[in-house]
Amino acid sequence: MSKIITSTTAEKTFTVAGVSNLNDVYKLRVANSTGRGKVLQANGHTDIRLIELPSAMTKLQAADYLVGLQYDEKLIEDKDPLATYFTDIDAQQAFADFYDKAKVLAPTFTTVATVAEDVDFAAAAELLEADLAVA
């Protein structure tokens, strides 16, 4: 039986998000308390990785935030462990499964290493500013 996603479900917000492993399957987990980790553990989950979100987010926003952590240059420069907390293959598969099930596209990030040398950075900066103004 599949779940029906209603607008109320899509708009519900959470303050904690991460991944956990149950029976060798990693899934995205969201909650409103870090105490959720104890509940997951009591129900047989292992490798529970939950963090507090910077603000209340929907499940989709939380997934985007967690995926984006690995691309946050400030976190990497500061050697923040969050920069690599969700970069392993298991966490990445959990995010991919969530995006697939939710029928949305995963966010795409461009890093300096993937940018072609002939990119017009001034035009790219203008597009970025326009995107941020809309959001």
C-alpha atoms as a PDB file:
ATOM      1  CA  MET A   1       0.000   0.000   0.000  1.00  0.00           C
ATOM      2  CA  SER A   2       1.465   3.361  -0.951  1.00  0.00           C
ATOM      3  CA  LYS A   3       1.062   6.534   1.022  1.00  0.00           C
ATOM      4  CA  ILE A   4      -0.896   9.402  -0.438  1.00  0.00           C
ATOM      5  CA  ILE A   5       1.021  12.646  -0.132  1.00  0.00           C
ATOM      6  CA  THR A   6      -1.363  15.448   0.672  1.00  0.00           C
ATOM      7  CA  SER A   7      -0.630  19.160   0.772  1.00  0.00           C
ATOM      8  CA  THR A   8      -0.754  18.966   4.577  1.00  0.00           C
ATOM      9  CA  THR A   9       1.902  16.239   4.550  1.00  0.00           C
ATOM     10  CA  ALA A  10       4.112  18.199   2.157  1.00  0.00           C
ATOM     11  CA  GLU A  11       3.844  21.334   4.296  1.00  0.00           C
ATOM     12  CA  LYS A  12       4.612  19.706   7.652  1.00  0.00           C
ATOM     13  CA  THR A  13       7.903  20.986   9.046  1.00  0.00           C
ATOM     14  CA  PHE A  14      10.658  19.362  11.074  1.00  0.00           C
ATOM     15  CA  THR A  15      13.615  20.595  13.103  1.00  0.00           C
ATOM     16  CA  VAL A  16      15.776  17.441  13.006  1.00  0.00           C
ATOM     17  CA  ALA A  17      16.824  15.361  10.004  1.00  0.00           C
ATOM     18  CA  GLY A  18      19.284  12.676   9.011  1.00  0.00           C
ATOM     19  CA  VAL A  19      19.535   9.043   8.003  1.00  0.00           C
ATOM     20  CA  SER A  20      19.346   5.665   9.697  1.00  0.00           C
ATOM     21  CA  ASN A  21      19.831   2.030   8.765  1.00  0.00           C
ATOM     22  CA  LEU A  22      17.134  -0.573   9.295  1.00  0.00           C
ATOM     23  CA  ASN A  23      17.714  -4.074   7.919  1.00  0.00           C
ATOM     24  CA  ASP A  24      20.568  -2.841   5.690  1.00  0.00           C
ATOM     25  CA  VAL A  25      18.383  -0.128   4.122  1.00  0.00           C
ATOM     26  CA  TYR A  26      19.229   3.517   4.762  1.00  0.00           C
ATOM     27  CA  LYS A  27      16.396   6.040   4.743  1.00  0.00           C
ATOM     28  CA  LEU A  28      15.941   9.743   5.272  1.00  0.00           C
ATOM     29  CA  ARG A  29      14.528  10.441   8.737  1.00  0.00           C
ATOM     30  CA  VAL A  30      12.897  13.639   9.999  1.00  0.00           C
ATOM     31  CA  ALA A  31      11.632  14.576  13.432  1.00  0.00           C
ATOM     32  CA  ASN A  32      10.995  17.464  15.750  1.00  0.00           C
ATOM     33  CA  SER A  33      13.280  16.249  18.523  1.00  0.00           C
ATOM     34  CA  THR A  34      16.711  14.672  18.761  1.00  0.00           C
ATOM     35  CA  GLY A  35      15.031  12.173  21.080  1.00  0.00           C
ATOM     36  CA  ARG A  36      13.806  10.504  17.895  1.00  0.00           C
ATOM     37  CA  GLY A  37      17.206   8.788  17.750  1.00  0.00           C
ATOM     38  CA  LYS A  38      16.377   6.813  20.900  1.00  0.00           C
ATOM     39  CA  VAL A  39      13.055   5.713  19.398  1.00  0.00           C
ATOM     40  CA  LEU A  40      14.777   4.615  16.194  1.00  0.00           C
ATOM     41  CA  GLN A  41      17.424   2.732  18.170  1.00  0.00           C
ATOM     42  CA  ALA A  42      14.764   0.990  20.272  1.00  0.00           C
ATOM     43  CA  ASN A  43      13.114  -0.137  17.033  1.00  0.00           C
ATOM     44  CA  GLY A  44      16.308  -1.750  15.723  1.00  0.00           C
ATOM     45  CA  HIS A  45      17.807   1.070  13.658  1.00  0.00           C
ATOM     46  CA  THR A  46      21.592   1.373  13.497  1.00  0.00           C
ATOM     47  CA  ASP A  47      23.987   4.052  12.221  1.00  0.00           C
ATOM     48  CA  ILE A  48      21.565   6.791  13.252  1.00  0.00           C
ATOM     49  CA  ARG A  49      22.821  10.203  12.096  1.00  0.00           C
ATOM     50  CA  LEU A  50      20.481  13.043  13.028  1.00  0.00           C
ATOM     51  CA  ILE A  51      21.286  16.748  13.191  1.00  0.00           C
ATOM     52  CA  GLU A  52      19.309  19.812  14.176  1.00  0.00           C
ATOM     53  CA  LEU A  53      18.290  21.879  11.184  1.00  0.00           C
ATOM     54  CA  PRO A  54      18.977  25.638  11.136  1.00  0.00           C
ATOM     55  CA  SER A  55      15.208  26.270  10.932  1.00  0.00           C
ATOM     56  CA  ALA A  56      11.998  24.280  10.590  1.00  0.00           C
ATOM     57  CA  MET A  57      11.883  22.660   7.143  1.00  0.00           C
ATOM     58  CA  THR A  58       9.667  20.386   5.112  1.00  0.00           C
ATOM     59  CA  LYS A  59      11.008  16.906   4.410  1.00  0.00           C
ATOM     60  CA  LEU A  60      12.054  17.967   0.912  1.00  0.00           C
ATOM     61  CA  GLN A  61      13.807  21.086   2.199  1.00  0.00           C
ATOM     62  CA  ALA A  62      15.555  19.008   4.869  1.00  0.00           C
ATOM     63  CA  ALA A  63      16.795  16.534   2.245  1.00  0.00           C
ATOM     64  CA  ASP A  64      18.058  19.404   0.084  1.00  0.00           C
ATOM     65  CA  TYR A  65      19.820  20.912   3.103  1.00  0.00           C
ATOM     66  CA  LEU A  66      21.545  17.653   4.056  1.00  0.00           C
ATOM     67  CA  VAL A  67      22.651  16.981   0.491  1.00  0.00           C
ATOM     68  CA  GLY A  68      23.927  20.559   0.233  1.00  0.00           C
ATOM     69  CA  LEU A  69      26.100  20.272   3.338  1.00  0.00           C
ATOM     70  CA  GLN A  70      28.826  18.519   1.384  1.00  0.00           C
ATOM     71  CA  TYR A  71      28.968  21.445  -1.049  1.00  0.00           C
ATOM     72  CA  ASP A  72      29.192  24.169   1.603  1.00  0.00           C
ATOM     73  CA  GLU A  73      32.744  25.472   1.124  1.00  0.00           C
ATOM     74  CA  LYS A  74      32.671  27.230   4.509  1.00  0.00           C
ATOM     75  CA  LEU A  75      32.027  23.924   6.290  1.00  0.00           C
ATOM     76  CA  ILE A  76      34.877  22.295   4.405  1.00  0.00           C
ATOM     77  CA  GLU A  77      37.281  25.194   5.080  1.00  0.00           C
ATOM     78  CA  ASP A  78      36.400  25.097   8.780  1.00  0.00           C
ATOM     79  CA  LYS A  79      36.893  21.309   8.729  1.00  0.00           C
ATOM     80  CA  ASP A  80      33.386  20.922  10.148  1.00  0.00           C
ATOM     81  CA  PRO A  81      32.480  17.226  10.408  1.00  0.00           C
ATOM     82  CA  LEU A  82      29.034  18.040   8.995  1.00  0.00           C
ATOM     83  CA  ALA A  83      30.709  18.625   5.634  1.00  0.00           C
ATOM     84  CA  THR A  84      31.235  14.869   5.310  1.00  0.00           C
ATOM     85  CA  TYR A  85      28.512  13.546   7.637  1.00  0.00           C
ATOM     86  CA  PHE A  86      26.169  12.584   4.796  1.00  0.00           C
ATOM     87  CA  THR A  87      28.599  12.043   1.898  1.00  0.00           C
ATOM     88  CA  ASP A  88      29.011   8.279   2.172  1.00  0.00           C
ATOM     89  CA  ILE A  89      27.331   6.006  -0.350  1.00  0.00           C
ATOM     90  CA  ASP A  90      24.683   4.817   2.132  1.00  0.00           C
ATOM     91  CA  ALA A  91      23.456   8.325   2.958  1.00  0.00           C
ATOM     92  CA  GLN A  92      23.578   9.337  -0.697  1.00  0.00           C
ATOM     93  CA  GLN A  93      21.454   6.306  -1.607  1.00  0.00           C
ATOM     94  CA  ALA A  94      18.932   7.255   1.093  1.00  0.00           C
ATOM     95  CA  PHE A  95      18.631  10.733  -0.431  1.00  0.00           C
ATOM     96  CA  ALA A  96      18.357   9.328  -3.977  1.00  0.00           C
ATOM     97  CA  ASP A  97      15.615   6.931  -2.845  1.00  0.00           C
ATOM     98  CA  PHE A  98      13.733   9.784  -1.169  1.00  0.00           C
ATOM     99  CA  TYR A  99      13.911  12.011  -4.254  1.00  0.00           C
ATOM    100  CA  ASP A 100      12.814   9.118  -6.450  1.00  0.00           C
ATOM    101  CA  LYS A 101       9.879   8.259  -4.190  1.00  0.00           C
ATOM    102  CA  ALA A 102       8.876  11.925  -3.882  1.00  0.00           C
ATOM    103  CA  LYS A 103       9.139  12.213  -7.678  1.00  0.00           C
ATOM    104  CA  VAL A 104      11.292  15.354  -7.541  1.00  0.00           C
ATOM    105  CA  LEU A 105      14.675  16.124  -8.999  1.00  0.00           C
ATOM    106  CA  ALA A 106      17.634  16.064  -6.668  1.00  0.00           C
ATOM    107  CA  PRO A 107      19.400  19.412  -6.329  1.00  0.00           C
ATOM    108  CA  THR A 108      22.365  19.959  -8.602  1.00  0.00           C
ATOM    109  CA  PHE A 109      25.435  21.668  -7.223  1.00  0.00           C
ATOM    110  CA  THR A 110      28.329  23.036  -9.216  1.00  0.00           C
ATOM    111  CA  THR A 111      31.721  23.106  -7.597  1.00  0.00           C
ATOM    112  CA  VAL A 112      34.842  24.873  -8.761  1.00  0.00           C
ATOM    113  CA  ALA A 113      36.267  21.512  -9.839  1.00  0.00           C
ATOM    114  CA  THR A 114      33.352  20.872 -12.209  1.00  0.00           C
ATOM    115  CA  VAL A 115      33.208  24.318 -13.826  1.00  0.00           C
ATOM    116  CA  ALA A 116      34.604  24.626 -17.343  1.00  0.00           C
ATOM    117  CA  GLU A 117      37.371  27.173 -17.867  1.00  0.00           C
ATOM    118  CA  ASP A 118      35.393  29.103 -20.484  1.00  0.00           C
ATOM    119  CA  VAL A 119      32.436  29.971 -18.217  1.00  0.00           C
ATOM    120  CA  ASP A 120      31.370  33.619 -18.146  1.00  0.00           C
ATOM    121  CA  PHE A 121      31.541  34.141 -14.367  1.00  0.00           C
ATOM    122  CA  ALA A 122      29.944  37.599 -14.525  1.00  0.00           C
ATOM    123  CA  ALA A 123      26.883  36.162 -16.291  1.00  0.00           C
ATOM    124  CA  ALA A 124      26.783  33.225 -13.877  1.00  0.00           C
ATOM    125  CA  ALA A 125      26.893  35.617 -10.906  1.00  0.00           C
ATOM    126  CA  GLU A 126      23.981  37.605 -12.366  1.00  0.00           C
ATOM    127  CA  LEU A 127      21.934  34.418 -12.819  1.00  0.00           C
ATOM    128  CA  LEU A 128      22.700  33.351  -9.274  1.00  0.00           C
ATOM    129  CA  GLU A 129      21.659  36.718  -7.871  1.00  0.00           C
ATOM    130  CA  ALA A 130      18.427  36.548  -9.864  1.00  0.00           C
ATOM    131  CA  ASP A 131      17.728  33.024  -8.549  1.00  0.00           C
ATOM    132  CA  LEU A 132      18.388  34.102  -4.964  1.00  0.00           C
ATOM    133  CA  ALA A 133      16.120  37.132  -5.355  1.00  0.00           C
ATOM    134  CA  VAL A 134      13.263  34.860  -6.471  1.00  0.00           C
ATOM    135  CA  ALA A 135      13.775  32.441  -3.569  1.00  0.00           C
END
